């Protein structure tokens, strides 16, 4: 006689439900208004805005002139942090900013860590 115990049922349900959950959560339709509206801001007219993940005093200013010039440039992000990180924005990165799309770049490692920097366009 083949009896399925409640434990076996829960294991079977878990095995079947996890892949289903993964497939449904990876759906391409997330109803994101940001995606529908497209990029925000205008880098050439307004310059850039920057976000430093895990920031503790680092500063980065990417000017309208830097974006317009579009040549590879390395920035020092020391600010008031007491240690320095370097960040290089390439010609390709500047081309992305010129189309008003954001970029994310990792800084150099210093003091045992790095920072992810997101650079977008000011509105």
PDB file of N, CA and C in Angstrom:
ATOM      1  N   UNK A   1       0.837  -1.177   0.000  1.00  0.00           N
ATOM      2  CA  UNK A   1       0.000   0.000   0.000  1.00  0.00           C
ATOM      3  C   UNK A   1       0.888   1.249   0.000  1.00  0.00           C
ATOM      4  N   UNK A   2       0.610   2.173  -0.901  1.00  0.00           N
ATOM      5  CA  UNK A   2       1.421   3.375  -1.055  1.00  0.00           C
ATOM      6  C   UNK A   2       0.709   4.543  -0.384  1.00  0.00           C
ATOM      7  N   UNK A   3       1.182   4.915   0.781  1.00  0.00           N
ATOM      8  CA  UNK A   3       0.566   6.012   1.528  1.00  0.00           C
ATOM      9  C   UNK A   3       1.514   7.205   1.500  1.00  0.00           C
ATOM     10  N   UNK A   4       0.985   8.363   1.105  1.00  0.00           N
ATOM     11  CA  UNK A   4       1.780   9.592   1.105  1.00  0.00           C
ATOM     12  C   UNK A   4       1.521  10.304   2.423  1.00  0.00           C
ATOM     13  N   UNK A   5       2.551  10.408   3.216  1.00  0.00           N
ATOM     14  CA  UNK A   5       2.425  11.049   4.522  1.00  0.00           C
ATOM     15  C   UNK A   5       2.382  12.563   4.357  1.00  0.00           C
ATOM     16  N   UNK A   6       1.882  13.254   5.360  1.00  0.00           N
ATOM     17  CA  UNK A   6       1.887  14.730   5.292  1.00  0.00           C
ATOM     18  C   UNK A   6       3.292  15.292   5.079  1.00  0.00           C
ATOM     19  N   UNK A   7       4.297  14.657   5.662  1.00  0.00           N
ATOM     20  CA  UNK A   7       5.674  15.116   5.465  1.00  0.00           C
ATOM     21  C   UNK A   7       6.082  14.989   4.005  1.00  0.00           C
ATOM     22  N   UNK A   8       5.766  13.851   3.397  1.00  0.00           N
ATOM     23  CA  UNK A   8       6.100  13.650   1.987  1.00  0.00           C
ATOM     24  C   UNK A   8       5.358  14.655   1.108  1.00  0.00           C
ATOM     25  N   UNK A   9       4.103  14.957   1.463  1.00  0.00           N
ATOM     26  CA  UNK A   9       3.329  15.945   0.698  1.00  0.00           C
ATOM     27  C   UNK A   9       3.989  17.320   0.775  1.00  0.00           C
ATOM     28  N   UNK A  10       4.442  17.699   1.970  1.00  0.00           N
ATOM     29  CA  UNK A  10       5.056  19.023   2.106  1.00  0.00           C
ATOM     30  C   UNK A  10       6.381  19.092   1.352  1.00  0.00           C
ATOM     31  N   UNK A  11       7.161  18.013   1.366  1.00  0.00           N
ATOM     32  CA  UNK A  11       8.415  17.980   0.613  1.00  0.00           C
ATOM     33  C   UNK A  11       8.130  18.071  -0.874  1.00  0.00           C
ATOM     34  N   UNK A  12       7.141  17.312  -1.346  1.00  0.00           N
ATOM     35  CA  UNK A  12       6.773  17.335  -2.760  1.00  0.00           C
ATOM     36  C   UNK A  12       6.289  18.726  -3.176  1.00  0.00           C
ATOM     37  N   UNK A  13       5.469  19.346  -2.347  1.00  0.00           N
ATOM     38  CA  UNK A  13       4.971  20.697  -2.650  1.00  0.00           C
ATOM     39  C   UNK A  13       6.130  21.690  -2.717  1.00  0.00           C
ATOM     40  N   UNK A  14       7.051  21.588  -1.771  1.00  0.00           N
ATOM     41  CA  UNK A  14       8.204  22.486  -1.764  1.00  0.00           C
ATOM     42  C   UNK A  14       9.037  22.320  -3.028  1.00  0.00           C
ATOM     43  N   UNK A  15       9.278  21.083  -3.406  1.00  0.00           N
ATOM     44  CA  UNK A  15      10.075  20.812  -4.606  1.00  0.00           C
ATOM     45  C   UNK A  15       9.405  21.372  -5.849  1.00  0.00           C
ATOM     46  N   UNK A  16       8.081  21.304  -5.911  1.00  0.00           N
ATOM     47  CA  UNK A  16       7.361  21.802  -7.082  1.00  0.00           C
ATOM     48  C   UNK A  16       7.134  23.311  -7.036  1.00  0.00           C
ATOM     49  N   UNK A  17       6.951  23.860  -5.846  1.00  0.00           N
ATOM     50  CA  UNK A  17       6.608  25.286  -5.729  1.00  0.00           C
ATOM     51  C   UNK A  17       7.812  26.212  -5.901  1.00  0.00           C
ATOM     52  N   UNK A  18       8.983  25.815  -5.451  1.00  0.00           N
ATOM     53  CA  UNK A  18      10.158  26.690  -5.553  1.00  0.00           C
ATOM     54  C   UNK A  18      10.477  27.043  -6.999  1.00  0.00           C
ATOM     55  N   UNK A  19      10.564  26.068  -7.924  1.00  0.00           N
ATOM     56  CA  UNK A  19      10.826  26.464  -9.324  1.00  0.00           C
ATOM     57  C   UNK A  19       9.722  27.349  -9.905  1.00  0.00           C
ATOM     58  N   UNK A  20       8.473  27.071  -9.523  1.00  0.00           N
ATOM     59  CA  UNK A  20       7.366  27.899 -10.006  1.00  0.00           C
ATOM     60  C   UNK A  20       7.515  29.333  -9.503  1.00  0.00           C
ATOM     61  N   UNK A  21       7.857  29.497  -8.228  1.00  0.00           N
ATOM     62  CA  UNK A  21       8.059  30.825  -7.663  1.00  0.00           C
ATOM     63  C   UNK A  21       9.195  31.555  -8.380  1.00  0.00           C
ATOM     64  N   UNK A  22      10.283  30.847  -8.651  1.00  0.00           N
ATOM     65  CA  UNK A  22      11.432  31.457  -9.333  1.00  0.00           C
ATOM     66  C   UNK A  22      11.045  31.935 -10.721  1.00  0.00           C
ATOM     67  N   UNK A  23      10.315  31.101 -11.455  1.00  0.00           N
ATOM     68  CA  UNK A  23       9.897  31.473 -12.810  1.00  0.00           C
ATOM     69  C   UNK A  23       8.976  32.682 -12.771  1.00  0.00           C
ATOM     70  N   UNK A  24       8.027  32.692 -11.846  1.00  0.00           N
ATOM     71  CA  UNK A  24       7.091  33.819 -11.776  1.00  0.00           C
ATOM     72  C   UNK A  24       7.768  35.101 -11.307  1.00  0.00           C
ATOM     73  N   UNK A  25       8.729  34.997 -10.395  1.00  0.00           N
ATOM     74  CA  UNK A  25       9.392  36.209  -9.901  1.00  0.00           C
ATOM     75  C   UNK A  25      10.356  36.794 -10.920  1.00  0.00           C
ATOM     76  N   UNK A  26      10.745  36.041 -11.923  1.00  0.00           N
ATOM     77  CA  UNK A  26      11.650  36.530 -12.960  1.00  0.00           C
ATOM     78  C   UNK A  26      10.900  37.043 -14.175  1.00  0.00           C
ATOM     79  N   UNK A  27       9.619  37.243 -14.038  1.00  0.00           N
ATOM     80  CA  UNK A  27       8.811  37.739 -15.145  1.00  0.00           C
ATOM     81  C   UNK A  27       9.342  39.083 -15.610  1.00  0.00           C
ATOM     82  N   UNK A  28       9.317  39.319 -16.904  1.00  0.00           N
ATOM     83  CA  UNK A  28       9.829  40.578 -17.440  1.00  0.00           C
ATOM     84  C   UNK A  28       8.854  41.729 -17.238  1.00  0.00           C
ATOM     85  N   UNK A  29       7.623  41.442 -16.848  1.00  0.00           N
ATOM     86  CA  UNK A  29       6.636  42.492 -16.650  1.00  0.00           C
ATOM     87  C   UNK A  29       6.561  42.846 -15.171  1.00  0.00           C
ATOM     88  N   UNK A  30       7.301  43.873 -14.761  1.00  0.00           N
ATOM     89  CA  UNK A  30       7.293  44.272 -13.362  1.00  0.00           C
ATOM     90  C   UNK A  30       6.507  45.554 -13.130  1.00  0.00           C
ATOM     91  N   UNK A  31       5.817  46.027 -14.161  1.00  0.00           N
ATOM     92  CA  UNK A  31       4.993  47.235 -14.074  1.00  0.00           C
ATOM     93  C   UNK A  31       5.792  48.433 -13.583  1.00  0.00           C
ATOM     94  N   UNK A  32       7.034  48.516 -13.948  1.00  0.00           N
ATOM     95  CA  UNK A  32       7.902  49.594 -13.511  1.00  0.00           C
ATOM     96  C   UNK A  32       7.609  50.867 -14.292  1.00  0.00           C
ATOM     97  N   UNK A  33       7.180  51.918 -13.577  1.00  0.00           N
ATOM     98  CA  UNK A  33       6.901  53.192 -14.219  1.00  0.00           C
ATOM     99  C   UNK A  33       8.183  53.822 -14.754  1.00  0.00           C
ATOM    100  N   UNK A  34       9.290  53.664 -14.025  1.00  0.00           N
ATOM    101  CA  UNK A  34      10.583  54.207 -14.467  1.00  0.00           C
ATOM    102  C   UNK A  34      10.931  53.671 -15.849  1.00  0.00           C
ATOM    103  N   UNK A  35      10.725  52.359 -16.045  1.00  0.00           N
ATOM    104  CA  UNK A  35      11.058  51.763 -17.327  1.00  0.00           C
ATOM    105  C   UNK A  35      10.147  52.294 -18.430  1.00  0.00           C
ATOM    106  N   UNK A  36       8.868  52.508 -18.117  1.00  0.00           N
ATOM    107  CA  UNK A  36       7.925  53.008 -19.113  1.00  0.00           C
ATOM    108  C   UNK A  36       8.257  54.432 -19.529  1.00  0.00           C
ATOM    109  N   UNK A  37       8.680  55.243 -18.575  1.00  0.00           N
ATOM    110  CA  UNK A  37       8.948  56.646 -18.858  1.00  0.00           C
ATOM    111  C   UNK A  37      10.312  56.867 -19.501  1.00  0.00           C
ATOM    112  N   UNK A  38      11.196  55.886 -19.417  1.00  0.00           N
ATOM    113  CA  UNK A  38      12.526  56.036 -19.993  1.00  0.00           C
ATOM    114  C   UNK A  38      13.455  56.806 -19.073  1.00  0.00           C
ATOM    115  N   UNK A  39      14.604  57.204 -19.592  1.00  0.00           N
ATOM    116  CA  UNK A  39      15.602  57.897 -18.768  1.00  0.00           C
ATOM    117  C   UNK A  39      15.080  59.235 -18.249  1.00  0.00           C
ATOM    118  N   UNK A  40      15.583  59.606 -17.090  1.00  0.00           N
ATOM    119  CA  UNK A  40      15.226  60.892 -16.487  1.00  0.00           C
ATOM    120  C   UNK A  40      16.394  61.853 -16.642  1.00  0.00           C
ATOM    121  N   UNK A  41      16.085  63.133 -16.670  1.00  0.00           N
ATOM    122  CA  UNK A  41      17.124  64.148 -16.688  1.00  0.00           C
ATOM    123  C   UNK A  41      17.788  64.323 -18.036  1.00  0.00           C
ATOM    124  N   UNK A  42      18.718  65.288 -18.062  1.00  0.00           N
ATOM    125  CA  UNK A  42      19.467  65.577 -19.276  1.00  0.00           C
ATOM    126  C   UNK A  42      20.897  65.927 -18.871  1.00  0.00           C
ATOM    127  N   UNK A  43      21.815  65.012 -19.133  1.00  0.00           N
ATOM    128  CA  UNK A  43      23.212  65.192 -18.700  1.00  0.00           C
ATOM    129  C   UNK A  43      23.902  66.365 -19.379  1.00  0.00           C
ATOM    130  N   UNK A  44      23.650  66.576 -20.661  1.00  0.00           N
ATOM    131  CA  UNK A  44      24.345  67.644 -21.380  1.00  0.00           C
ATOM    132  C   UNK A  44      23.845  69.014 -20.927  1.00  0.00           C
ATOM    133  N   UNK A  45      22.550  69.137 -20.671  1.00  0.00           N
ATOM    134  CA  UNK A  45      22.004  70.429 -20.225  1.00  0.00           C
ATOM    135  C   UNK A  45      22.185  70.673 -18.730  1.00  0.00           C
ATOM    136  N   UNK A  46      22.068  69.615 -17.904  1.00  0.00           N
ATOM    137  CA  UNK A  46      22.002  69.799 -16.456  1.00  0.00           C
ATOM    138  C   UNK A  46      23.142  69.171 -15.669  1.00  0.00           C
ATOM    139  N   UNK A  47      24.017  68.433 -16.333  1.00  0.00           N
ATOM    140  CA  UNK A  47      25.089  67.751 -15.610  1.00  0.00           C
ATOM    141  C   UNK A  47      24.605  66.449 -14.997  1.00  0.00           C
ATOM    142  N   UNK A  48      25.424  65.898 -14.124  1.00  0.00           N
ATOM    143  CA  UNK A  48      25.147  64.577 -13.563  1.00  0.00           C
ATOM    144  C   UNK A  48      24.836  64.656 -12.076  1.00  0.00           C
ATOM    145  N   UNK A  49      24.151  63.632 -11.604  1.00  0.00           N
ATOM    146  CA  UNK A  49      23.957  63.413 -10.174  1.00  0.00           C
ATOM    147  C   UNK A  49      24.634  62.084  -9.854  1.00  0.00           C
ATOM    148  N   UNK A  50      25.238  61.988  -8.679  1.00  0.00           N
ATOM    149  CA  UNK A  50      25.967  60.776  -8.328  1.00  0.00           C
ATOM    150  C   UNK A  50      25.464  60.206  -7.012  1.00  0.00           C
ATOM    151  N   UNK A  51      25.490  58.884  -6.927  1.00  0.00           N
ATOM    152  CA  UNK A  51      25.153  58.177  -5.699  1.00  0.00           C
ATOM    153  C   UNK A  51      26.307  57.237  -5.380  1.00  0.00           C
ATOM    154  N   UNK A  52      26.836  57.354  -4.169  1.00  0.00           N
ATOM    155  CA  UNK A  52      27.944  56.512  -3.724  1.00  0.00           C
ATOM    156  C   UNK A  52      27.384  55.513  -2.719  1.00  0.00           C
ATOM    157  N   UNK A  53      27.388  54.227  -3.075  1.00  0.00           N
ATOM    158  CA  UNK A  53      26.874  53.195  -2.175  1.00  0.00           C
ATOM    159  C   UNK A  53      27.833  53.044  -0.999  1.00  0.00           C
ATOM    160  N   UNK A  54      27.279  53.045   0.215  1.00  0.00           N
ATOM    161  CA  UNK A  54      28.105  52.923   1.414  1.00  0.00           C
ATOM    162  C   UNK A  54      28.965  54.142   1.654  1.00  0.00           C
ATOM    163  N   UNK A  55      28.456  55.303   1.275  1.00  0.00           N
ATOM    164  CA  UNK A  55      29.265  56.518   1.350  1.00  0.00           C
ATOM    165  C   UNK A  55      29.555  56.917   2.789  1.00  0.00           C
ATOM    166  N   UNK A  56      30.754  57.403   2.994  1.00  0.00           N
ATOM    167  CA  UNK A  56      31.170  57.929   4.287  1.00  0.00           C
ATOM    168  C   UNK A  56      32.097  59.115   4.074  1.00  0.00           C
ATOM    169  N   UNK A  57      31.615  60.048   3.242  1.00  0.00           N
ATOM    170  CA  UNK A  57      32.351  61.293   3.029  1.00  0.00           C
ATOM    171  C   UNK A  57      32.988  61.462   1.668  1.00  0.00           C
ATOM    172  N   UNK A  58      32.840  60.496   0.782  1.00  0.00           N
ATOM    173  CA  UNK A  58      33.429  60.627  -0.555  1.00  0.00           C
ATOM    174  C   UNK A  58      32.589  61.557  -1.425  1.00  0.00           C
ATOM    175  N   UNK A  59      33.265  62.315  -2.283  1.00  0.00           N
ATOM    176  CA  UNK A  59      32.587  63.241  -3.185  1.00  0.00           C
ATOM    177  C   UNK A  59      32.997  62.967  -4.624  1.00  0.00           C
ATOM    178  N   UNK A  60      32.021  63.076  -5.525  1.00  0.00           N
ATOM    179  CA  UNK A  60      32.295  62.961  -6.956  1.00  0.00           C
ATOM    180  C   UNK A  60      31.450  63.988  -7.677  1.00  0.00           C
ATOM    181  N   UNK A  61      32.107  64.830  -8.472  1.00  0.00           N
ATOM    182  CA  UNK A  61      31.392  65.794  -9.301  1.00  0.00           C
ATOM    183  C   UNK A  61      31.754  65.544 -10.757  1.00  0.00           C
ATOM    184  N   UNK A  62      30.729  65.175 -11.534  1.00  0.00           N
ATOM    185  CA  UNK A  62      30.892  64.999 -12.977  1.00  0.00           C
ATOM    186  C   UNK A  62      30.156  66.170 -13.615  1.00  0.00           C
ATOM    187  N   UNK A  63      30.895  67.076 -14.229  1.00  0.00           N
ATOM    188  CA  UNK A  63      30.312  68.310 -14.758  1.00  0.00           C
ATOM    189  C   UNK A  63      29.721  68.111 -16.151  1.00  0.00           C
ATOM    190  N   UNK A  64      28.911  69.094 -16.550  1.00  0.00           N
ATOM    191  CA  UNK A  64      28.384  69.110 -17.922  1.00  0.00           C
ATOM    192  C   UNK A  64      29.537  69.113 -18.917  1.00  0.00           C
ATOM    193  N   UNK A  65      30.584  69.868 -18.600  1.00  0.00           N
ATOM    194  CA  UNK A  65      31.743  69.960 -19.491  1.00  0.00           C
ATOM    195  C   UNK A  65      32.432  68.607 -19.648  1.00  0.00           C
ATOM    196  N   UNK A  66      32.565  67.861 -18.540  1.00  0.00           N
ATOM    197  CA  UNK A  66      33.157  66.518 -18.624  1.00  0.00           C
ATOM    198  C   UNK A  66      32.351  65.633 -19.572  1.00  0.00           C
ATOM    199  N   UNK A  67      31.035  65.697 -19.437  1.00  0.00           N
ATOM    200  CA  UNK A  67      30.158  64.864 -20.266  1.00  0.00           C
ATOM    201  C   UNK A  67      30.237  65.297 -21.722  1.00  0.00           C
ATOM    202  N   UNK A  68      30.203  66.601 -21.964  1.00  0.00           N
ATOM    203  CA  UNK A  68      30.282  67.115 -23.335  1.00  0.00           C
ATOM    204  C   UNK A  68      31.616  66.743 -23.981  1.00  0.00           C
ATOM    205  N   UNK A  69      32.720  66.893 -23.233  1.00  0.00           N
ATOM    206  CA  UNK A  69      34.037  66.522 -23.766  1.00  0.00           C
ATOM    207  C   UNK A  69      34.087  65.037 -24.098  1.00  0.00           C
ATOM    208  N   UNK A  70      33.571  64.219 -23.208  1.00  0.00           N
ATOM    209  CA  UNK A  70      33.453  62.791 -23.469  1.00  0.00           C
ATOM    210  C   UNK A  70      34.746  62.003 -23.514  1.00  0.00           C
ATOM    211  N   UNK A  71      35.835  62.566 -23.011  1.00  0.00           N
ATOM    212  CA  UNK A  71      37.107  61.836 -23.026  1.00  0.00           C
ATOM    213  C   UNK A  71      37.319  61.143 -21.679  1.00  0.00           C
ATOM    214  N   UNK A  72      37.955  59.997 -21.713  1.00  0.00           N
ATOM    215  CA  UNK A  72      38.201  59.223 -20.495  1.00  0.00           C
ATOM    216  C   UNK A  72      38.839  60.109 -19.431  1.00  0.00           C
ATOM    217  N   UNK A  73      38.306  60.012 -18.207  1.00  0.00           N
ATOM    218  CA  UNK A  73      38.793  60.865 -17.121  1.00  0.00           C
ATOM    219  C   UNK A  73      38.780  60.067 -15.822  1.00  0.00           C
ATOM    220  N   UNK A  74      39.820  60.258 -15.006  1.00  0.00           N
ATOM    221  CA  UNK A  74      39.905  59.607 -13.699  1.00  0.00           C
ATOM    222  C   UNK A  74      39.672  60.653 -12.615  1.00  0.00           C
ATOM    223  N   UNK A  75      38.802  60.320 -11.658  1.00  0.00           N
ATOM    224  CA  UNK A  75      38.415  61.225 -10.574  1.00  0.00           C
ATOM    225  C   UNK A  75      38.951  60.695  -9.244  1.00  0.00           C
ATOM    226  N   UNK A  76      39.288  61.623  -8.339  1.00  0.00           N
ATOM    227  CA  UNK A  76      39.682  61.315  -6.972  1.00  0.00           C
ATOM    228  C   UNK A  76      38.461  61.561  -6.092  1.00  0.00           C
ATOM    229  N   UNK A  77      38.045  60.558  -5.331  1.00  0.00           N
ATOM    230  CA  UNK A  77      36.832  60.667  -4.515  1.00  0.00           C
ATOM    231  C   UNK A  77      37.119  60.801  -3.021  1.00  0.00           C
ATOM    232  N   UNK A  78      38.229  61.374  -2.628  1.00  0.00           N
ATOM    233  CA  UNK A  78      38.575  61.396  -1.206  1.00  0.00           C
ATOM    234  C   UNK A  78      37.532  62.134  -0.366  1.00  0.00           C
ATOM    235  N   UNK A  79      37.208  63.358  -0.716  1.00  0.00           N
ATOM    236  CA  UNK A  79      36.254  64.123   0.090  1.00  0.00           C
ATOM    237  C   UNK A  79      36.717  64.215   1.526  1.00  0.00           C
ATOM    238  N   UNK A  80      35.800  63.999   2.477  1.00  0.00           N
ATOM    239  CA  UNK A  80      36.145  64.060   3.898  1.00  0.00           C
ATOM    240  C   UNK A  80      36.344  62.670   4.502  1.00  0.00           C
ATOM    241  N   UNK A  81      36.471  61.642   3.663  1.00  0.00           N
ATOM    242  CA  UNK A  81      36.554  60.261   4.145  1.00  0.00           C
ATOM    243  C   UNK A  81      37.888  59.917   4.800  1.00  0.00           C
ATOM    244  N   UNK A  82      38.937  60.684   4.514  1.00  0.00           N
ATOM    245  CA  UNK A  82      40.236  60.384   5.092  1.00  0.00           C
ATOM    246  C   UNK A  82      41.025  59.338   4.328  1.00  0.00           C
ATOM    247  N   UNK A  83      40.471  58.840   3.262  1.00  0.00           N
ATOM    248  CA  UNK A  83      41.191  57.941   2.355  1.00  0.00           C
ATOM    249  C   UNK A  83      40.636  58.151   0.955  1.00  0.00           C
ATOM    250  N   UNK A  84      41.406  57.748  -0.028  1.00  0.00           N
ATOM    251  CA  UNK A  84      41.072  58.068  -1.411  1.00  0.00           C
ATOM    252  C   UNK A  84      40.616  56.822  -2.174  1.00  0.00           C
ATOM    253  N   UNK A  85      39.656  57.006  -3.052  1.00  0.00           N
ATOM    254  CA  UNK A  85      39.299  56.014  -4.066  1.00  0.00           C
ATOM    255  C   UNK A  85      39.392  56.719  -5.415  1.00  0.00           C
ATOM    256  N   UNK A  86      39.769  55.983  -6.427  1.00  0.00           N
ATOM    257  CA  UNK A  86      39.814  56.518  -7.785  1.00  0.00           C
ATOM    258  C   UNK A  86      38.692  55.878  -8.593  1.00  0.00           C
ATOM    259  N   UNK A  87      38.171  56.634  -9.552  1.00  0.00           N
ATOM    260  CA  UNK A  87      37.105  56.156 -10.430  1.00  0.00           C
ATOM    261  C   UNK A  87      37.396  56.668 -11.832  1.00  0.00           C
ATOM    262  N   UNK A  88      37.392  55.785 -12.804  1.00  0.00           N
ATOM    263  CA  UNK A  88      37.620  56.182 -14.194  1.00  0.00           C
ATOM    264  C   UNK A  88      36.331  56.048 -14.977  1.00  0.00           C
ATOM    265  N   UNK A  89      35.947  57.145 -15.632  1.00  0.00           N
ATOM    266  CA  UNK A  89      34.798  57.139 -16.538  1.00  0.00           C
ATOM    267  C   UNK A  89      35.367  57.147 -17.949  1.00  0.00           C
ATOM    268  N   UNK A  90      35.006  56.134 -18.715  1.00  0.00           N
ATOM    269  CA  UNK A  90      35.567  55.966 -20.059  1.00  0.00           C
ATOM    270  C   UNK A  90      34.778  56.756 -21.099  1.00  0.00           C
ATOM    271  N   UNK A  91      35.338  56.825 -22.280  1.00  0.00           N
ATOM    272  CA  UNK A  91      34.654  57.456 -23.410  1.00  0.00           C
ATOM    273  C   UNK A  91      33.295  56.800 -23.636  1.00  0.00           C
ATOM    274  N   UNK A  92      33.250  55.471 -23.533  1.00  0.00           N
ATOM    275  CA  UNK A  92      31.990  54.743 -23.714  1.00  0.00           C
ATOM    276  C   UNK A  92      30.980  55.106 -22.627  1.00  0.00           C
ATOM    277  N   UNK A  93      31.456  55.259 -21.374  1.00  0.00           N
ATOM    278  CA  UNK A  93      30.572  55.662 -20.278  1.00  0.00           C
ATOM    279  C   UNK A  93      29.991  57.051 -20.540  1.00  0.00           C
ATOM    280  N   UNK A  94      30.838  57.977 -20.986  1.00  0.00           N
ATOM    281  CA  UNK A  94      30.347  59.325 -21.293  1.00  0.00           C
ATOM    282  C   UNK A  94      29.332  59.285 -22.436  1.00  0.00           C
ATOM    283  N   UNK A  95      29.538  58.417 -23.417  1.00  0.00           N
ATOM    284  CA  UNK A  95      28.573  58.281 -24.515  1.00  0.00           C
ATOM    285  C   UNK A  95      27.223  57.824 -23.975  1.00  0.00           C
ATOM    286  N   UNK A  96      27.228  56.928 -22.995  1.00  0.00           N
ATOM    287  CA  UNK A  96      25.979  56.482 -22.364  1.00  0.00           C
ATOM    288  C   UNK A  96      25.308  57.641 -21.645  1.00  0.00           C
ATOM    289  N   UNK A  97      26.080  58.438 -20.917  1.00  0.00           N
ATOM    290  CA  UNK A  97      25.516  59.599 -20.221  1.00  0.00           C
ATOM    291  C   UNK A  97      24.941  60.611 -21.211  1.00  0.00           C
ATOM    292  N   UNK A  98      25.585  60.767 -22.359  1.00  0.00           N
ATOM    293  CA  UNK A  98      25.078  61.703 -23.373  1.00  0.00           C
ATOM    294  C   UNK A  98      23.709  61.290 -23.899  1.00  0.00           C
ATOM    295  N   UNK A  99      23.369  60.001 -23.786  1.00  0.00           N
ATOM    296  CA  UNK A  99      22.032  59.541 -24.191  1.00  0.00           C
ATOM    297  C   UNK A  99      21.075  59.546 -23.001  1.00  0.00           C
ATOM    298  N   UNK A 100      21.500  60.200 -21.915  1.00  0.00           N
ATOM    299  CA  UNK A 100      20.694  60.372 -20.707  1.00  0.00           C
ATOM    300  C   UNK A 100      20.386  59.065 -19.991  1.00  0.00           C
ATOM    301  N   UNK A 101      21.290  58.110 -20.087  1.00  0.00           N
ATOM    302  CA  UNK A 101      21.167  56.850 -19.361  1.00  0.00           C
ATOM    303  C   UNK A 101      22.232  56.795 -18.279  1.00  0.00           C
ATOM    304  N   UNK A 102      21.878  56.211 -17.136  1.00  0.00           N
ATOM    305  CA  UNK A 102      22.783  56.124 -15.998  1.00  0.00           C
ATOM    306  C   UNK A 102      23.820  55.023 -16.200  1.00  0.00           C
ATOM    307  N   UNK A 103      24.931  55.167 -15.487  1.00  0.00           N
ATOM    308  CA  UNK A 103      25.984  54.152 -15.475  1.00  0.00           C
ATOM    309  C   UNK A 103      26.318  53.833 -14.017  1.00  0.00           C
ATOM    310  N   UNK A 104      26.844  52.641 -13.769  1.00  0.00           N
ATOM    311  CA  UNK A 104      27.329  52.261 -12.442  1.00  0.00           C
ATOM    312  C   UNK A 104      28.731  51.697 -12.604  1.00  0.00           C
ATOM    313  N   UNK A 105      29.658  52.215 -11.806  1.00  0.00           N
ATOM    314  CA  UNK A 105      31.070  51.842 -11.900  1.00  0.00           C
ATOM    315  C   UNK A 105      31.592  51.607 -10.481  1.00  0.00           C
ATOM    316  N   UNK A 106      32.506  50.659 -10.327  1.00  0.00           N
ATOM    317  CA  UNK A 106      33.152  50.420  -9.032  1.00  0.00           C
ATOM    318  C   UNK A 106      34.415  51.272  -8.923  1.00  0.00           C
ATOM    319  N   UNK A 107      34.657  51.778  -7.725  1.00  0.00           N
ATOM    320  CA  UNK A 107      35.881  52.545  -7.470  1.00  0.00           C
ATOM    321  C   UNK A 107      37.059  51.593  -7.287  1.00  0.00           C
ATOM    322  N   UNK A 108      38.234  52.174  -7.192  1.00  0.00           N
ATOM    323  CA  UNK A 108      39.412  51.394  -6.820  1.00  0.00           C
ATOM    324  C   UNK A 108      39.265  50.956  -5.360  1.00  0.00           C
ATOM    325  N   UNK A 109      40.015  49.940  -4.982  1.00  0.00           N
ATOM    326  CA  UNK A 109      39.994  49.445  -3.602  1.00  0.00           C
ATOM    327  C   UNK A 109      40.975  50.246  -2.756  1.00  0.00           C
ATOM    328  N   UNK A 110      40.514  50.677  -1.588  1.00  0.00           N
ATOM    329  CA  UNK A 110      41.377  51.342  -0.617  1.00  0.00           C
ATOM    330  C   UNK A 110      40.752  51.142   0.756  1.00  0.00           C
ATOM    331  N   UNK A 111      41.558  51.073   1.780  1.00  0.00           N
ATOM    332  CA  UNK A 111      41.094  50.845   3.150  1.00  0.00           C
ATOM    333  C   UNK A 111      40.233  49.584   3.224  1.00  0.00           C
ATOM    334  N   UNK A 112      40.552  48.619   2.370  1.00  0.00           N
ATOM    335  CA  UNK A 112      39.872  47.332   2.407  1.00  0.00           C
ATOM    336  C   UNK A 112      38.494  47.283   1.787  1.00  0.00           C
ATOM    337  N   UNK A 113      38.132  48.287   1.004  1.00  0.00           N
ATOM    338  CA  UNK A 113      36.799  48.272   0.402  1.00  0.00           C
ATOM    339  C   UNK A 113      36.749  49.080  -0.890  1.00  0.00           C
ATOM    340  N   UNK A 114      35.648  48.897  -1.615  1.00  0.00           N
ATOM    341  CA  UNK A 114      35.340  49.692  -2.806  1.00  0.00           C
ATOM    342  C   UNK A 114      33.951  50.289  -2.620  1.00  0.00           C
ATOM    343  N   UNK A 115      33.552  51.119  -3.551  1.00  0.00           N
ATOM    344  CA  UNK A 115      32.198  51.669  -3.576  1.00  0.00           C
ATOM    345  C   UNK A 115      31.649  51.534  -4.990  1.00  0.00           C
ATOM    346  N   UNK A 116      30.373  51.223  -5.088  1.00  0.00           N
ATOM    347  CA  UNK A 116      29.689  51.284  -6.380  1.00  0.00           C
ATOM    348  C   UNK A 116      29.163  52.705  -6.528  1.00  0.00           C
ATOM    349  N   UNK A 117      29.437  53.311  -7.664  1.00  0.00           N
ATOM    350  CA  UNK A 117      29.009  54.683  -7.931  1.00  0.00           C
ATOM    351  C   UNK A 117      28.018  54.648  -9.087  1.00  0.00           C
ATOM    352  N   UNK A 118      26.830  55.201  -8.859  1.00  0.00           N
ATOM    353  CA  UNK A 118      25.859  55.345  -9.941  1.00  0.00           C
ATOM    354  C   UNK A 118      25.835  56.808 -10.346  1.00  0.00           C
ATOM    355  N   UNK A 119      25.981  57.035 -11.643  1.00  0.00           N
ATOM    356  CA  UNK A 119      25.984  58.388 -12.193  1.00  0.00           C
ATOM    357  C   UNK A 119      24.817  58.481 -13.155  1.00  0.00           C
ATOM    358  N   UNK A 120      23.910  59.402 -12.855  1.00  0.00           N
ATOM    359  CA  UNK A 120      22.748  59.627 -13.708  1.00  0.00           C
ATOM    360  C   UNK A 120      22.698  61.077 -14.132  1.00  0.00           C
ATOM    361  N   UNK A 121      21.625  61.445 -14.784  1.00  0.00           N
ATOM    362  CA  UNK A 121      21.484  62.802 -15.311  1.00  0.00           C
ATOM    363  C   UNK A 121      20.575  63.635 -14.420  1.00  0.00           C
ATOM    364  N   UNK A 122      21.013  64.853 -14.141  1.00  0.00           N
ATOM    365  CA  UNK A 122      20.212  65.770 -13.335  1.00  0.00           C
ATOM    366  C   UNK A 122      19.018  66.255 -14.144  1.00  0.00           C
ATOM    367  N   UNK A 123      17.922  66.493 -13.436  1.00  0.00           N
ATOM    368  CA  UNK A 123      16.709  66.993 -14.102  1.00  0.00           C
ATOM    369  C   UNK A 123      16.664  68.495 -14.070  1.00  0.00           C
TER     370      UNK A 123
END
